PDB file of N, CA and C in Angstrom:
ATOM      1  N   UNK A   1     -12.654  15.177   2.139  1.00  0.00           N
ATOM      2  CA  UNK A   1     -11.932  13.763   2.190  1.00  0.00           C
ATOM      3  C   UNK A   1     -12.736  13.270   3.579  1.00  0.00           C
ATOM      4  N   UNK A   2     -12.623  11.571   3.617  1.00  0.00           N
ATOM      5  CA  UNK A   2     -13.252  11.098   4.586  1.00  0.00           C
ATOM      6  C   UNK A   2     -11.948   9.960   5.086  1.00  0.00           C
ATOM      7  N   UNK A   3     -11.767   9.846   5.094  1.00  0.00           N
ATOM      8  CA  UNK A   3      -9.976   8.787   5.551  1.00  0.00           C
ATOM      9  C   UNK A   3      -9.989   8.831   6.356  1.00  0.00           C
ATOM     10  N   UNK A   4     -10.069   6.819   6.540  1.00  0.00           N
ATOM     11  CA  UNK A   4      -9.869   6.195   7.338  1.00  0.00           C
ATOM     12  C   UNK A   4      -8.660   5.665   7.709  1.00  0.00           C
ATOM     13  N   UNK A   5      -8.391   5.497   8.605  1.00  0.00           N
ATOM     14  CA  UNK A   5      -6.823   4.834   9.318  1.00  0.00           C
ATOM     15  C   UNK A   5      -7.087   2.981   9.582  1.00  0.00           C
ATOM     16  N   UNK A   6      -6.005   2.834   8.635  1.00  0.00           N
ATOM     17  CA  UNK A   6      -6.838   1.525   8.606  1.00  0.00           C
ATOM     18  C   UNK A   6      -5.620   0.731   9.456  1.00  0.00           C
ATOM     19  N   UNK A   7      -4.594   0.552   9.074  1.00  0.00           N
ATOM     20  CA  UNK A   7      -3.661   0.604   9.883  1.00  0.00           C
ATOM     21  C   UNK A   7      -1.648   0.552   9.619  1.00  0.00           C
ATOM     22  N   UNK A   8      -0.720   0.200  10.630  1.00  0.00           N
ATOM     23  CA  UNK A   8       0.842   0.530  10.124  1.00  0.00           C
ATOM     24  C   UNK A   8       0.911  -1.604  10.361  1.00  0.00           C
ATOM     25  N   UNK A   9       2.247  -1.721   9.938  1.00  0.00           N
ATOM     26  CA  UNK A   9       3.041  -3.057  10.467  1.00  0.00           C
ATOM     27  C   UNK A   9       3.580  -2.570  12.103  1.00  0.00           C
ATOM     28  N   UNK A  10       3.447  -3.454  12.322  1.00  0.00           N
ATOM     29  CA  UNK A  10       3.263  -3.560  14.102  1.00  0.00           C
ATOM     30  C   UNK A  10       4.887  -3.909  14.235  1.00  0.00           C
ATOM     31  N   UNK A  11       5.491  -4.202  13.645  1.00  0.00           N
ATOM     32  CA  UNK A  11       7.335  -4.633  13.203  1.00  0.00           C
ATOM     33  C   UNK A  11       7.885  -3.163  13.014  1.00  0.00           C
ATOM     34  N   UNK A  12       7.870  -3.095  12.565  1.00  0.00           N
ATOM     35  CA  UNK A  12       8.259  -1.371  12.290  1.00  0.00           C
ATOM     36  C   UNK A  12       8.805  -0.861  13.217  1.00  0.00           C
ATOM     37  N   UNK A  13      10.674  -0.647  12.468  1.00  0.00           N
ATOM     38  CA  UNK A  13      11.898  -0.187  13.212  1.00  0.00           C
ATOM     39  C   UNK A  13      11.366   1.475  13.878  1.00  0.00           C
ATOM     40  N   UNK A  14      10.168   2.369  13.725  1.00  0.00           N
ATOM     41  CA  UNK A  14      10.210   3.406  14.680  1.00  0.00           C
ATOM     42  C   UNK A  14       8.444   3.227  14.847  1.00  0.00           C
ATOM     43  N   UNK A  15       8.249   2.547  14.067  1.00  0.00           N
ATOM     44  CA  UNK A  15       6.810   2.184  14.734  1.00  0.00           C
ATOM     45  C   UNK A  15       5.795   4.000  13.130  1.00  0.00           C
ATOM     46  N   UNK A  16       6.110   3.660  12.371  1.00  0.00           N
ATOM     47  CA  UNK A  16       5.861   5.002  11.634  1.00  0.00           C
ATOM     48  C   UNK A  16       5.494   3.874  10.477  1.00  0.00           C
ATOM     49  N   UNK A  17       5.550   3.006   9.379  1.00  0.00           N
ATOM     50  CA  UNK A  17       5.958   2.870   8.446  1.00  0.00           C
ATOM     51  C   UNK A  17       6.108   1.308   7.896  1.00  0.00           C
ATOM     52  N   UNK A  18       5.073   0.580   7.287  1.00  0.00           N
ATOM     53  CA  UNK A  18       4.072   1.339   6.324  1.00  0.00           C
ATOM     54  C   UNK A  18       2.952   1.480   7.288  1.00  0.00           C
ATOM     55  N   UNK A  19       2.604   2.137   5.931  1.00  0.00           N
ATOM     56  CA  UNK A  19       0.326   2.291   7.486  1.00  0.00           C
ATOM     57  C   UNK A  19      -0.499   2.274   5.868  1.00  0.00           C
ATOM     58  N   UNK A  20      -1.930   2.245   5.673  1.00  0.00           N
ATOM     59  CA  UNK A  20      -2.238   2.200   4.699  1.00  0.00           C
ATOM     60  C   UNK A  20      -3.654   2.540   5.589  1.00  0.00           C
ATOM     61  N   UNK A  21      -3.966   3.500   4.871  1.00  0.00           N
ATOM     62  CA  UNK A  21      -5.287   4.888   5.325  1.00  0.00           C
ATOM     63  C   UNK A  21      -6.424   4.004   3.409  1.00  0.00           C
ATOM     64  N   UNK A  22      -7.669   4.577   3.563  1.00  0.00           N
ATOM     65  CA  UNK A  22      -9.048   4.395   3.374  1.00  0.00           C
ATOM     66  C   UNK A  22     -10.410   5.554   2.682  1.00  0.00           C
ATOM     67  N   UNK A  23     -10.478   6.312   1.879  1.00  0.00           N
ATOM     68  CA  UNK A  23     -10.797   7.698   1.666  1.00  0.00           C
ATOM     69  C   UNK A  23     -12.342   6.712   1.351  1.00  0.00           C
ATOM     70  N   UNK A  24     -12.923   6.682   2.083  1.00  0.00           N
ATOM     71  CA  UNK A  24     -14.649   5.881   1.874  1.00  0.00           C
ATOM     72  C   UNK A  24     -15.229   6.394   0.340  1.00  0.00           C
ATOM     73  N   UNK A  25     -15.016   7.959   0.813  1.00  0.00           N
ATOM     74  CA  UNK A  25     -15.819   8.734  -0.745  1.00  0.00           C
ATOM     75  C   UNK A  25     -15.023   8.290  -1.377  1.00  0.00           C
ATOM     76  N   UNK A  26     -14.145   8.768  -1.838  1.00  0.00           N
ATOM     77  CA  UNK A  26     -13.239   8.142  -3.245  1.00  0.00           C
ATOM     78  C   UNK A  26     -13.398   6.982  -3.495  1.00  0.00           C
ATOM     79  N   UNK A  27     -12.726   5.858  -2.912  1.00  0.00           N
ATOM     80  CA  UNK A  27     -13.062   4.407  -2.931  1.00  0.00           C
ATOM     81  C   UNK A  27     -10.896   4.149  -3.454  1.00  0.00           C
ATOM     82  N   UNK A  28     -10.594   5.555  -2.445  1.00  0.00           N
ATOM     83  CA  UNK A  28      -9.122   5.273  -2.812  1.00  0.00           C
ATOM     84  C   UNK A  28      -8.364   5.270  -1.904  1.00  0.00           C
ATOM     85  N   UNK A  29      -7.488   4.390  -1.778  1.00  0.00           N
ATOM     86  CA  UNK A  29      -6.401   3.594  -0.789  1.00  0.00           C
ATOM     87  C   UNK A  29      -4.557   4.385  -1.101  1.00  0.00           C
ATOM     88  N   UNK A  30      -4.250   4.582   0.490  1.00  0.00           N
ATOM     89  CA  UNK A  30      -3.388   5.212   0.183  1.00  0.00           C
ATOM     90  C   UNK A  30      -2.368   4.616   1.140  1.00  0.00           C
ATOM     91  N   UNK A  31      -0.846   4.782   0.682  1.00  0.00           N
ATOM     92  CA  UNK A  31      -0.102   2.921   1.735  1.00  0.00           C
ATOM     93  C   UNK A  31       1.259   4.660   1.555  1.00  0.00           C
ATOM     94  N   UNK A  32       1.910   4.175   2.810  1.00  0.00           N
ATOM     95  CA  UNK A  32       2.987   4.494   2.947  1.00  0.00           C
ATOM     96  C   UNK A  32       3.860   3.691   3.065  1.00  0.00           C
ATOM     97  N   UNK A  33       4.992   2.944   2.339  1.00  0.00           N
ATOM     98  CA  UNK A  33       5.087   1.954   2.560  1.00  0.00           C
ATOM     99  C   UNK A  33       7.260   2.850   1.684  1.00  0.00           C
ATOM    100  N   UNK A  34       8.244   1.683   1.955  1.00  0.00           N
ATOM    101  CA  UNK A  34       9.771   1.890   1.905  1.00  0.00           C
ATOM    102  C   UNK A  34      10.184   1.981   0.258  1.00  0.00           C
ATOM    103  N   UNK A  35       9.997   2.830  -0.587  1.00  0.00           N
ATOM    104  CA  UNK A  35      10.436   3.403  -1.670  1.00  0.00           C
ATOM    105  C   UNK A  35      11.946   2.117  -2.126  1.00  0.00           C
ATOM    106  N   UNK A  36      11.557   1.380  -3.016  1.00  0.00           N
ATOM    107  CA  UNK A  36      11.715   0.860  -3.748  1.00  0.00           C
ATOM    108  C   UNK A  36      13.083   0.170  -4.693  1.00  0.00           C
ATOM    109  N   UNK A  37      15.156   1.139  -3.868  1.00  0.00           N
ATOM    110  CA  UNK A  37      16.070   2.503  -4.517  1.00  0.00           C
ATOM    111  C   UNK A  37      15.865   1.305  -5.305  1.00  0.00           C
ATOM    112  N   UNK A  38      16.984   0.066  -5.719  1.00  0.00           N
ATOM    113  CA  UNK A  38      17.624  -0.600  -5.538  1.00  0.00           C
ATOM    114  C   UNK A  38      17.521  -1.062  -6.784  1.00  0.00           C
ATOM    115  N   UNK A  39      17.668  -0.571  -8.388  1.00  0.00           N
ATOM    116  CA  UNK A  39      17.498  -0.622  -9.472  1.00  0.00           C
ATOM    117  C   UNK A  39      17.589  -1.873 -10.272  1.00  0.00           C
ATOM    118  N   UNK A  40      18.047  -3.054  -9.468  1.00  0.00           N
ATOM    119  CA  UNK A  40      18.630  -4.338 -10.026  1.00  0.00           C
ATOM    120  C   UNK A  40      16.220  -4.635  -9.641  1.00  0.00           C
ATOM    121  N   UNK A  41      16.492  -4.105  -8.147  1.00  0.00           N
ATOM    122  CA  UNK A  41      14.584  -5.026  -7.993  1.00  0.00           C
ATOM    123  C   UNK A  41      13.848  -4.392  -8.842  1.00  0.00           C
ATOM    124  N   UNK A  42      13.524  -3.038  -9.222  1.00  0.00           N
ATOM    125  CA  UNK A  42      13.085  -2.250  -9.932  1.00  0.00           C
ATOM    126  C   UNK A  42      12.793  -2.590 -11.702  1.00  0.00           C
ATOM    127  N   UNK A  43      14.398  -3.126 -11.572  1.00  0.00           N
ATOM    128  CA  UNK A  43      14.349  -4.005 -12.617  1.00  0.00           C
ATOM    129  C   UNK A  43      14.003  -4.791 -13.490  1.00  0.00           C
ATOM    130  N   UNK A  44      13.585  -5.952 -11.446  1.00  0.00           N
ATOM    131  CA  UNK A  44      12.997  -7.715 -11.498  1.00  0.00           C
ATOM    132  C   UNK A  44      11.646  -7.611 -11.574  1.00  0.00           C
ATOM    133  N   UNK A  45      10.948  -6.576 -10.538  1.00  0.00           N
ATOM    134  CA  UNK A  45       9.861  -6.467 -10.625  1.00  0.00           C
ATOM    135  C   UNK A  45       8.717  -5.163 -11.652  1.00  0.00           C
ATOM    136  N   UNK A  46       9.987  -4.821 -12.382  1.00  0.00           N
ATOM    137  CA  UNK A  46       8.841  -4.492 -14.458  1.00  0.00           C
ATOM    138  C   UNK A  46       9.178  -5.721 -14.795  1.00  0.00           C
ATOM    139  N   UNK A  47      10.106  -5.780 -15.077  1.00  0.00           N
ATOM    140  CA  UNK A  47      10.142  -7.071 -15.717  1.00  0.00           C
ATOM    141  C   UNK A  47       8.866  -8.378 -15.797  1.00  0.00           C
ATOM    142  N   UNK A  48       8.772  -8.556 -14.650  1.00  0.00           N
ATOM    143  CA  UNK A  48       7.504  -9.581 -14.155  1.00  0.00           C
ATOM    144  C   UNK A  48       5.964  -9.206 -14.436  1.00  0.00           C
ATOM    145  N   UNK A  49       6.311  -7.717 -14.600  1.00  0.00           N
ATOM    146  CA  UNK A  49       4.922  -6.965 -15.452  1.00  0.00           C
ATOM    147  C   UNK A  49       5.231  -7.015 -16.180  1.00  0.00           C
ATOM    148  N   UNK A  50       6.017  -7.187 -17.754  1.00  0.00           N
ATOM    149  CA  UNK A  50       6.596  -6.293 -18.470  1.00  0.00           C
ATOM    150  C   UNK A  50       6.079  -5.312 -19.766  1.00  0.00           C
ATOM    151  N   UNK A  51       6.836  -4.374 -18.371  1.00  0.00           N
ATOM    152  CA  UNK A  51       7.275  -3.409 -18.615  1.00  0.00           C
ATOM    153  C   UNK A  51       8.128  -2.940 -18.274  1.00  0.00           C
ATOM    154  N   UNK A  52       9.227  -1.146 -18.881  1.00  0.00           N
ATOM    155  CA  UNK A  52      10.123  -0.927 -18.890  1.00  0.00           C
ATOM    156  C   UNK A  52      10.670   0.198 -18.123  1.00  0.00           C
ATOM    157  N   UNK A  53       9.064   0.032 -17.797  1.00  0.00           N
ATOM    158  CA  UNK A  53       9.858   2.125 -17.083  1.00  0.00           C
ATOM    159  C   UNK A  53       8.365   2.101 -15.248  1.00  0.00           C
ATOM    160  N   UNK A  54       9.159   3.076 -14.910  1.00  0.00           N
ATOM    161  CA  UNK A  54       7.689   3.314 -13.959  1.00  0.00           C
ATOM    162  C   UNK A  54       7.473   4.358 -14.578  1.00  0.00           C
ATOM    163  N   UNK A  55       6.017   5.327 -14.626  1.00  0.00           N
ATOM    164  CA  UNK A  55       5.770   5.420 -15.222  1.00  0.00           C
ATOM    165  C   UNK A  55       5.203   7.044 -13.732  1.00  0.00           C
ATOM    166  N   UNK A  56       5.720   8.582 -14.882  1.00  0.00           N
ATOM    167  CA  UNK A  56       6.013  10.013 -13.361  1.00  0.00           C
ATOM    168  C   UNK A  56       4.970  10.325 -12.849  1.00  0.00           C
ATOM    169  N   UNK A  57       5.352  10.352 -11.752  1.00  0.00           N
ATOM    170  CA  UNK A  57       4.435  10.892 -10.343  1.00  0.00           C
ATOM    171  C   UNK A  57       4.394  10.036  -9.747  1.00  0.00           C
ATOM    172  N   UNK A  58       5.157   8.367 -10.006  1.00  0.00           N
ATOM    173  CA  UNK A  58       5.328   7.072  -9.586  1.00  0.00           C
ATOM    174  C   UNK A  58       5.561   6.007  -9.485  1.00  0.00           C
ATOM    175  N   UNK A  59       5.750   5.122  -8.172  1.00  0.00           N
ATOM    176  CA  UNK A  59       6.848   5.116  -7.928  1.00  0.00           C
ATOM    177  C   UNK A  59       6.896   3.775  -6.832  1.00  0.00           C
ATOM    178  N   UNK A  60       7.903   2.489  -7.072  1.00  0.00           N
ATOM    179  CA  UNK A  60       7.331   1.387  -6.319  1.00  0.00           C
ATOM    180  C   UNK A  60       7.207   1.119  -4.937  1.00  0.00           C
ATOM    181  N   UNK A  61       6.565   0.999  -3.510  1.00  0.00           N
ATOM    182  CA  UNK A  61       6.780   0.739  -2.630  1.00  0.00           C
ATOM    183  C   UNK A  61       7.316  -0.807  -2.261  1.00  0.00           C
ATOM    184  N   UNK A  62       7.382  -0.838  -1.438  1.00  0.00           N
ATOM    185  CA  UNK A  62       7.349  -2.616  -0.997  1.00  0.00           C
ATOM    186  C   UNK A  62       6.344  -2.402   0.936  1.00  0.00           C
ATOM    187  N   UNK A  63       5.797  -3.113   1.037  1.00  0.00           N
ATOM    188  CA  UNK A  63       5.142  -4.048   2.662  1.00  0.00           C
ATOM    189  C   UNK A  63       5.986  -5.254   2.465  1.00  0.00           C
ATOM    190  N   UNK A  64       5.325  -5.927   3.865  1.00  0.00           N
ATOM    191  CA  UNK A  64       5.684  -6.277   5.046  1.00  0.00           C
ATOM    192  C   UNK A  64       4.681  -7.778   4.313  1.00  0.00           C
ATOM    193  N   UNK A  65       4.623  -8.649   3.770  1.00  0.00           N
ATOM    194  CA  UNK A  65       3.642  -9.832   3.566  1.00  0.00           C
ATOM    195  C   UNK A  65       2.691 -10.054   5.293  1.00  0.00           C
ATOM    196  N   UNK A  66       3.047 -10.033   6.304  1.00  0.00           N
ATOM    197  CA  UNK A  66       2.197  -9.644   7.338  1.00  0.00           C
ATOM    198  C   UNK A  66       0.953  -8.057   7.153  1.00  0.00           C
ATOM    199  N   UNK A  67       1.010  -7.471   6.299  1.00  0.00           N
ATOM    200  CA  UNK A  67       0.528  -6.591   5.696  1.00  0.00           C
ATOM    201  C   UNK A  67      -0.964  -6.848   4.648  1.00  0.00           C
ATOM    202  N   UNK A  68      -0.152  -8.316   4.677  1.00  0.00           N
ATOM    203  CA  UNK A  68      -1.841  -8.297   4.398  1.00  0.00           C
ATOM    204  C   UNK A  68      -2.680  -8.623   4.679  1.00  0.00           C
ATOM    205  N   UNK A  69      -3.720  -8.802   5.536  1.00  0.00           N
ATOM    206  CA  UNK A  69      -4.452  -8.451   6.640  1.00  0.00           C
ATOM    207  C   UNK A  69      -4.951  -7.551   6.672  1.00  0.00           C
ATOM    208  N   UNK A  70      -4.433  -6.266   5.952  1.00  0.00           N
ATOM    209  CA  UNK A  70      -4.515  -4.827   6.544  1.00  0.00           C
ATOM    210  C   UNK A  70      -5.034  -4.323   4.760  1.00  0.00           C
ATOM    211  N   UNK A  71      -5.001  -5.280   4.072  1.00  0.00           N
ATOM    212  CA  UNK A  71      -5.654  -4.929   2.816  1.00  0.00           C
ATOM    213  C   UNK A  71      -6.352  -5.062   2.703  1.00  0.00           C
ATOM    214  N   UNK A  72      -7.548  -6.288   3.036  1.00  0.00           N
ATOM    215  CA  UNK A  72      -8.744  -7.048   3.522  1.00  0.00           C
ATOM    216  C   UNK A  72      -9.390  -5.666   3.897  1.00  0.00           C
ATOM    217  N   UNK A  73      -9.038  -4.786   5.240  1.00  0.00           N
ATOM    218  CA  UNK A  73     -10.011  -4.015   5.586  1.00  0.00           C
ATOM    219  C   UNK A  73     -10.799  -2.981   4.598  1.00  0.00           C
ATOM    220  N   UNK A  74      -9.815  -2.606   3.774  1.00  0.00           N
ATOM    221  CA  UNK A  74     -10.120  -1.392   2.894  1.00  0.00           C
ATOM    222  C   UNK A  74     -11.265  -1.743   1.773  1.00  0.00           C
ATOM    223  N   UNK A  75     -11.916  -3.323   1.939  1.00  0.00           N
ATOM    224  CA  UNK A  75     -13.063  -3.736   1.326  1.00  0.00           C
ATOM    225  C   UNK A  75     -13.542  -3.314   2.150  1.00  0.00           C
ATOM    226  N   UNK A  76     -13.771  -3.706   3.727  1.00  0.00           N
ATOM    227  CA  UNK A  76     -14.772  -3.573   4.462  1.00  0.00           C
ATOM    228  C   UNK A  76     -15.020  -2.182   4.964  1.00  0.00           C
ATOM    229  N   UNK A  77     -16.758  -1.332   4.838  1.00  0.00           N
ATOM    230  CA  UNK A  77     -16.470  -0.046   5.138  1.00  0.00           C
ATOM    231  C   UNK A  77     -16.770   0.511   6.621  1.00  0.00           C
ATOM    232  N   UNK A  78     -17.166   0.805   6.685  1.00  0.00           N
ATOM    233  CA  UNK A  78     -16.514   2.608   8.900  1.00  0.00           C
ATOM    234  C   UNK A  78     -17.470   0.325  10.011  1.00  0.00           C
ATOM    235  N   UNK A  79     -18.756  -0.205   9.053  1.00  0.00           N
ATOM    236  CA  UNK A  79     -19.377  -0.845  10.242  1.00  0.00           C
ATOM    237  C   UNK A  79     -19.646  -2.178   9.938  1.00  0.00           C
ATOM    238  N   UNK A  80     -17.919  -2.759   8.678  1.00  0.00           N
ATOM    239  CA  UNK A  80     -17.445  -4.388   9.250  1.00  0.00           C
ATOM    240  C   UNK A  80     -18.164  -4.712   7.670  1.00  0.00           C
ATOM    241  N   UNK A  81     -18.828  -4.128   7.344  1.00  0.00           N
ATOM    242  CA  UNK A  81     -19.280  -5.851   5.959  1.00  0.00           C
ATOM    243  C   UNK A  81     -18.728  -5.054   5.578  1.00  0.00           C
ATOM    244  N   UNK A  82     -18.474  -6.296   3.925  1.00  0.00           N
ATOM    245  CA  UNK A  82     -18.200  -6.004   2.812  1.00  0.00           C
ATOM    246  C   UNK A  82     -18.232  -5.251   2.281  1.00  0.00           C
ATOM    247  N   UNK A  83     -17.880  -4.681   1.147  1.00  0.00           N
ATOM    248  CA  UNK A  83     -18.605  -3.355  -0.312  1.00  0.00           C
ATOM    249  C   UNK A  83     -17.240  -3.179  -0.551  1.00  0.00           C
ATOM    250  N   UNK A  84     -18.525  -3.509  -2.177  1.00  0.00           N
ATOM    251  CA  UNK A  84     -18.001  -3.227  -3.584  1.00  0.00           C
ATOM    252  C   UNK A  84     -18.193  -4.404  -4.042  1.00  0.00           C
TER     253      UNK A  84
END
């Protein structure tokens, strides 16, 4: 694995989450976030996407809007160039 740390939410009360990583060999992104445990929020999210369940092995996570700039980082390679 060629894991690249992208960043974390600067306002985290404990300084640890949410966090984003990128594996440049597999093109997979990894995100640590807050589990969406509220069943009514889960139902709303699933309904908005036309689904009725969360597949086995998956979960819903949330992260703050101001982390969106970190998501752009996963498109960049380690030289700062756009990839893909």
